Protein backbone atom coordinates (compact mmCIF):
# COMPACT_ATOMS: atom_id res chain seq x y z
CA MET A 1 -9.57 41.81 26.83
CA SER A 2 -11.00 44.30 29.29
CA LYS A 3 -10.51 48.02 29.03
CA PHE A 4 -7.26 49.28 30.54
CA ASP A 5 -7.88 51.46 33.58
CA GLY A 6 -4.75 53.54 33.99
CA ASN A 7 -2.36 55.98 32.39
CA LEU A 8 -0.05 55.40 29.47
CA TYR A 9 2.73 57.94 29.02
CA TRP A 10 5.09 58.09 26.07
CA SER A 11 8.09 59.98 24.81
CA LEU A 12 10.43 59.91 21.84
CA LEU A 13 13.91 58.78 22.86
CA ASP A 14 16.82 59.99 20.77
CA SER A 15 20.05 58.15 21.54
CA GLY A 16 22.75 58.54 18.95
CA ASP A 17 21.89 56.40 15.95
CA TRP A 18 18.57 55.26 17.37
CA ARG A 19 15.29 57.15 17.81
CA MET A 20 12.44 55.18 19.32
CA HIS A 21 9.14 55.67 21.08
CA ILE A 22 9.02 54.49 24.67
CA ALA A 23 6.01 54.14 26.95
CA ALA A 24 5.18 53.43 30.57
CA THR A 25 2.13 52.92 32.72
CA ASP A 26 1.94 54.04 36.32
CA LYS A 27 3.50 50.65 37.18
CA GLY A 28 6.55 50.92 34.93
CA LEU A 29 8.13 50.76 31.49
CA CYS A 30 5.91 48.76 29.16
CA TYR A 31 7.17 49.45 25.66
CA ILE A 32 10.36 50.23 23.75
CA GLY A 33 9.65 50.75 20.07
CA THR A 34 11.52 49.79 16.96
CA PRO A 35 14.18 52.40 16.15
CA GLY A 36 12.99 54.70 13.39
CA ALA A 37 9.37 53.50 13.55
CA ALA A 38 6.52 55.98 13.44
CA TYR A 39 4.28 56.73 16.42
CA ALA A 40 1.69 54.47 14.78
CA GLU A 41 3.67 51.42 15.97
CA LEU A 42 3.24 52.49 19.61
CA ALA A 43 -0.41 53.45 19.07
CA GLY A 44 -1.15 50.04 17.52
CA TRP A 45 0.59 48.19 20.35
CA ALA A 46 -1.33 50.25 22.94
CA ALA A 47 -4.67 49.57 21.22
CA ARG A 48 -4.01 45.82 21.35
CA GLN A 49 -2.47 45.56 24.81
CA LEU A 50 -4.16 48.40 26.70
CA PRO A 51 -7.59 48.80 25.09
CA GLY A 52 -9.37 52.06 25.72
CA THR A 53 -6.27 53.98 26.73
CA GLU A 54 -5.21 57.20 25.11
CA PRO A 55 -1.40 57.46 25.16
CA ARG A 56 -0.31 60.85 26.50
CA ARG A 57 3.06 62.39 25.74
CA ASP A 58 4.85 63.21 28.99
CA ASP A 59 8.58 63.72 28.51
CA ALA A 60 9.11 64.50 32.21
CA ALA A 61 7.45 61.28 33.42
CA MET A 62 9.43 59.30 30.86
CA ALA A 63 12.80 60.95 31.62
CA PRO A 64 14.01 58.29 34.10
CA TYR A 65 13.22 55.52 31.62
CA GLY A 66 14.94 57.41 28.83
CA ALA A 67 18.02 57.91 31.00
CA ALA A 68 18.17 54.19 31.82
CA ILE A 69 17.81 53.23 28.15
CA ARG A 70 20.51 55.73 27.10
CA ALA A 71 22.85 54.35 29.79
CA TYR A 72 22.24 50.86 28.47
CA LEU A 73 22.85 51.87 24.86
CA GLU A 74 25.92 53.96 25.66
CA ASP A 75 27.76 51.75 28.12
CA GLY A 76 25.88 48.49 28.42
CA ALA A 77 24.50 49.29 31.88
CA ARG A 78 21.85 46.84 33.00
CA ASP A 79 18.27 47.91 33.54
CA ALA A 80 19.30 49.17 37.01
CA GLY A 81 16.06 48.10 38.61
CA VAL A 82 13.79 49.93 36.20
CA ALA A 83 10.20 49.12 37.08
CA MET A 84 8.47 47.33 34.23
CA ASP A 85 4.85 46.55 33.46
CA LEU A 86 5.12 43.62 31.07
CA ARG A 87 1.85 42.38 29.62
CA GLY A 88 1.61 38.97 28.04
CA THR A 89 0.46 35.41 28.52
CA ALA A 90 1.85 33.28 31.33
CA PHE A 91 4.14 31.53 28.83
CA GLN A 92 5.37 34.84 27.39
CA GLN A 93 6.04 36.12 30.90
CA ALA A 94 8.06 32.98 31.70
CA VAL A 95 10.11 33.35 28.50
CA TRP A 96 10.75 37.04 29.15
CA GLN A 97 11.85 36.30 32.72
CA GLU A 98 14.25 33.66 31.42
CA LEU A 99 15.70 36.14 28.93
CA ARG A 100 16.39 38.58 31.77
CA LEU A 101 18.63 35.91 33.32
CA ILE A 102 20.98 35.81 30.31
CA PRO A 103 24.04 37.86 31.30
CA PRO A 104 25.39 40.56 28.98
CA GLY A 105 28.00 39.11 26.65
CA GLU A 106 26.36 35.68 26.60
CA VAL A 107 23.90 34.20 24.14
CA ARG A 108 21.46 31.30 24.12
CA ALA A 109 19.62 29.37 21.43
CA TYR A 110 15.82 29.25 21.36
CA SER A 111 16.07 25.57 22.27
CA ASP A 112 18.21 26.45 25.31
CA VAL A 113 15.51 28.79 26.58
CA ALA A 114 12.84 26.14 25.96
CA GLU A 115 14.86 23.56 27.90
CA ARG A 116 15.38 25.95 30.82
CA LEU A 117 11.61 26.38 30.95
CA GLY A 118 11.15 22.59 31.11
CA ARG A 119 9.58 22.54 27.64
CA PRO A 120 12.36 21.20 25.38
CA SER A 121 10.09 20.85 22.34
CA ALA A 122 8.80 24.44 22.58
CA ALA A 123 11.59 26.29 20.72
CA ARG A 124 9.12 27.70 18.18
CA ALA A 125 6.76 28.84 20.93
CA VAL A 126 9.75 30.49 22.62
CA ALA A 127 10.51 32.29 19.35
CA GLY A 128 6.91 33.51 19.22
CA ALA A 129 7.07 34.81 22.78
CA ILE A 130 10.36 36.53 22.03
CA GLY A 131 8.78 38.17 18.97
CA ALA A 132 6.06 39.59 21.22
CA ASN A 133 8.58 41.13 23.65
CA PRO A 134 7.45 44.74 24.19
CA VAL A 135 10.56 45.91 26.03
CA LEU A 136 13.58 45.47 23.77
CA LEU A 137 16.90 45.79 25.58
CA PHE A 138 15.75 45.25 29.17
CA VAL A 139 14.17 41.95 28.19
CA PRO A 140 17.25 41.09 26.12
CA CYS A 141 15.84 39.08 23.25
CA HIS A 142 18.86 40.12 21.17
CA ARG A 143 20.84 37.54 23.19
CA VAL A 144 18.94 34.66 21.59
CA LEU A 145 20.37 33.17 18.40
CA GLY A 146 19.62 30.26 16.11
CA LYS A 147 20.82 26.82 17.22
CA ASN A 148 23.89 27.08 14.97
CA GLY A 149 24.79 30.52 16.38
CA THR A 150 23.34 32.54 13.50
CA LEU A 151 21.60 35.85 14.02
CA THR A 152 17.87 35.42 13.71
CA GLY A 153 14.89 37.80 13.67
CA PHE A 154 14.79 40.88 15.84
CA ARG A 155 11.96 43.44 15.82
CA ALA A 156 14.49 46.29 15.83
CA GLY A 157 16.37 44.83 12.87
CA MET A 158 19.39 42.63 12.42
CA ALA A 159 21.86 45.54 12.32
CA MET A 160 20.77 46.66 15.80
CA LYS A 161 20.87 43.08 17.11
CA ALA A 162 24.42 42.63 15.83
CA GLU A 163 25.48 46.01 17.23
CA LEU A 164 24.02 45.26 20.68
CA LEU A 165 25.80 41.90 20.76
CA ARG A 166 29.06 43.56 19.66
CA ARG A 167 28.76 46.16 22.41
CA GLU A 168 28.25 43.36 24.93
CA GLY A 169 31.24 41.43 23.59
CA ALA A 170 29.16 38.51 22.34
CA LEU A 171 30.05 39.10 18.67
CA ARG A 172 33.35 40.06 17.15
CA ALA A 173 33.39 43.21 15.02
CA THR A 174 33.90 41.07 11.91
CA SER A 175 30.56 39.21 12.39
């Protein structure tokens, strides 16, 4: 991978129960961290995805992204056209785009996503691409469940996945 030639800004977002590192390039939001994770998670992601960059804290530059994330967490607002700079393979990009088409309050199985991509036998590859999703929430991987409707892995933890689905009306409070 070639050296990244650009800026990477970050900030620490505090939104109620969740504190997470967020980052953006000059092109848009590129990373939403795991709630409660240390800065090292962001630094490791940046070293792998944007080699040679030195993340720079810039709360002012990150303020619009933080506001959009807070709005999403507080009232389920969509990404409201937030610019994103998603970095991944062509297959990952296709999976992430498909996830963005899942409306709030609805869920899909990994196999459903694979079928929509024209690759019905690629459910495991879809799961791998979902696991590599750098922008939790706005690429709504929490809306993907196991074939039998069970909650499955989520980088931010199963409690957050269940809570996001509850807020969207896709899970009853008793789930």
